[in-house]
C-alpha atoms as a PDB file:
ATOM      1  CA  UNK A   1     -20.081  29.417  25.808  1.00  0.00           C
ATOM      2  CA  UNK A   2     -17.914  31.037  23.186  1.00  0.00           C
ATOM      3  CA  UNK A   3     -17.869  34.855  23.096  1.00  0.00           C
ATOM      4  CA  UNK A   4     -17.512  35.196  19.311  1.00  0.00           C
ATOM      5  CA  UNK A   5     -20.399  32.771  18.712  1.00  0.00           C
ATOM      6  CA  UNK A   6     -22.442  34.719  21.253  1.00  0.00           C
ATOM      7  CA  UNK A   7     -21.787  37.962  19.342  1.00  0.00           C
ATOM      8  CA  UNK A   8     -22.876  36.271  16.102  1.00  0.00           C
ATOM      9  CA  UNK A   9     -26.059  34.989  17.768  1.00  0.00           C
ATOM     10  CA  UNK A  10     -26.689  38.465  19.224  1.00  0.00           C
ATOM     11  CA  UNK A  11     -26.426  39.928  15.706  1.00  0.00           C
ATOM     12  CA  UNK A  12     -28.794  37.310  14.309  1.00  0.00           C
ATOM     13  CA  UNK A  13     -31.354  38.001  17.016  1.00  0.00           C
ATOM     14  CA  UNK A  14     -31.702  41.651  16.002  1.00  0.00           C
ATOM     15  CA  UNK A  15     -33.274  42.515  12.674  1.00  0.00           C
ATOM     16  CA  UNK A  16     -31.350  44.921  10.462  1.00  0.00           C
ATOM     17  CA  UNK A  17     -27.911  44.265  11.950  1.00  0.00           C
ATOM     18  CA  UNK A  18     -25.269  43.397   9.370  1.00  0.00           C
ATOM     19  CA  UNK A  19     -23.418  40.164  10.227  1.00  0.00           C
ATOM     20  CA  UNK A  20     -19.906  40.907  11.442  1.00  0.00           C
ATOM     21  CA  UNK A  21     -20.719  44.492  12.397  1.00  0.00           C
ATOM     22  CA  UNK A  22     -20.752  43.960  16.169  1.00  0.00           C
ATOM     23  CA  UNK A  23     -17.999  43.000  18.584  1.00  0.00           C
ATOM     24  CA  UNK A  24     -17.814  42.187  22.300  1.00  0.00           C
ATOM     25  CA  UNK A  25     -17.227  45.852  23.176  1.00  0.00           C
ATOM     26  CA  UNK A  26     -20.267  47.146  21.287  1.00  0.00           C
ATOM     27  CA  UNK A  27     -22.420  49.327  23.556  1.00  0.00           C
ATOM     28  CA  UNK A  28     -25.637  47.882  22.228  1.00  0.00           C
ATOM     29  CA  UNK A  29     -28.043  50.448  23.725  1.00  0.00           C
ATOM     30  CA  UNK A  30     -26.428  53.275  21.761  1.00  0.00           C
ATOM     31  CA  UNK A  31     -24.359  51.662  18.990  1.00  0.00           C
ATOM     32  CA  UNK A  32     -27.141  49.565  17.445  1.00  0.00           C
ATOM     33  CA  UNK A  33     -29.492  51.731  15.425  1.00  0.00           C
ATOM     34  CA  UNK A  34     -32.247  49.131  15.650  1.00  0.00           C
ATOM     35  CA  UNK A  35     -32.090  48.629  19.430  1.00  0.00           C
ATOM     36  CA  UNK A  36     -35.602  48.788  20.892  1.00  0.00           C
ATOM     37  CA  UNK A  37     -37.923  46.752  23.089  1.00  0.00           C
ATOM     38  CA  UNK A  38     -38.343  44.113  20.372  1.00  0.00           C
ATOM     39  CA  UNK A  39     -34.563  43.732  20.155  1.00  0.00           C
ATOM     40  CA  UNK A  40     -34.459  43.305  23.932  1.00  0.00           C
ATOM     41  CA  UNK A  41     -37.048  40.525  23.770  1.00  0.00           C
ATOM     42  CA  UNK A  42     -35.263  38.902  20.832  1.00  0.00           C
ATOM     43  CA  UNK A  43     -31.950  38.800  22.685  1.00  0.00           C
ATOM     44  CA  UNK A  44     -33.616  37.399  25.812  1.00  0.00           C
ATOM     45  CA  UNK A  45     -35.270  34.692  23.688  1.00  0.00           C
ATOM     46  CA  UNK A  46     -31.974  33.916  21.929  1.00  0.00           C
ATOM     47  CA  UNK A  47     -30.204  33.441  25.267  1.00  0.00           C
ATOM     48  CA  UNK A  48     -32.983  31.157  26.459  1.00  0.00           C
ATOM     49  CA  UNK A  49     -33.069  29.066  23.278  1.00  0.00           C
ATOM     50  CA  UNK A  50     -29.371  28.928  22.358  1.00  0.00           C
ATOM     51  CA  UNK A  51     -27.874  28.686  25.835  1.00  0.00           C
ATOM     52  CA  UNK A  52     -30.676  27.087  27.847  1.00  0.00           C
ATOM     53  CA  UNK A  53     -30.536  29.807  30.479  1.00  0.00           C
ATOM     54  CA  UNK A  54     -32.430  32.990  31.086  1.00  0.00           C
ATOM     55  CA  UNK A  55     -31.776  36.498  32.266  1.00  0.00           C
ATOM     56  CA  UNK A  56     -34.305  39.141  33.206  1.00  0.00           C
ATOM     57  CA  UNK A  57     -34.957  42.237  31.114  1.00  0.00           C
ATOM     58  CA  UNK A  58     -33.846  44.512  33.962  1.00  0.00           C
ATOM     59  CA  UNK A  59     -30.538  42.616  34.126  1.00  0.00           C
ATOM     60  CA  UNK A  60     -30.051  43.069  30.374  1.00  0.00           C
ATOM     61  CA  UNK A  61     -30.784  46.783  30.651  1.00  0.00           C
ATOM     62  CA  UNK A  62     -28.037  47.111  33.299  1.00  0.00           C
ATOM     63  CA  UNK A  63     -25.455  45.708  30.849  1.00  0.00           C
ATOM     64  CA  UNK A  64     -23.460  48.123  28.694  1.00  0.00           C
ATOM     65  CA  UNK A  65     -21.666  45.926  26.190  1.00  0.00           C
ATOM     66  CA  UNK A  66     -22.382  42.661  24.447  1.00  0.00           C
ATOM     67  CA  UNK A  67     -19.584  41.116  26.502  1.00  0.00           C
ATOM     68  CA  UNK A  68     -21.413  42.214  29.664  1.00  0.00           C
ATOM     69  CA  UNK A  69     -24.491  40.324  28.435  1.00  0.00           C
ATOM     70  CA  UNK A  70     -22.327  37.293  27.654  1.00  0.00           C
ATOM     71  CA  UNK A  71     -20.841  37.340  31.163  1.00  0.00           C
ATOM     72  CA  UNK A  72     -24.300  37.677  32.686  1.00  0.00           C
ATOM     73  CA  UNK A  73     -25.566  34.736  30.650  1.00  0.00           C
ATOM     74  CA  UNK A  74     -22.578  32.642  31.762  1.00  0.00           C
ATOM     75  CA  UNK A  75     -23.180  33.467  35.413  1.00  0.00           C
ATOM     76  CA  UNK A  76     -26.891  32.687  35.038  1.00  0.00           C
ATOM     77  CA  UNK A  77     -26.095  29.288  33.555  1.00  0.00           C
ATOM     78  CA  UNK A  78     -24.264  28.160  36.696  1.00  0.00           C
END
């Protein structure tokens, strides 16, 4: 998995997010205006579809940054 591609996929998964506006250190719960339960489901679906692995919603909620989500997805893929 590539972190920059993951950030781009994360952006694409959430409606209303301008491409290129997020980075690995983005605290998605607070920094993304459009973060809500639908965004959570969209990111979970993106991880499942794009990376053929899954994480649970409670695991996603524990993450702070997009890089944290990336690292969780990597560890779940093992």
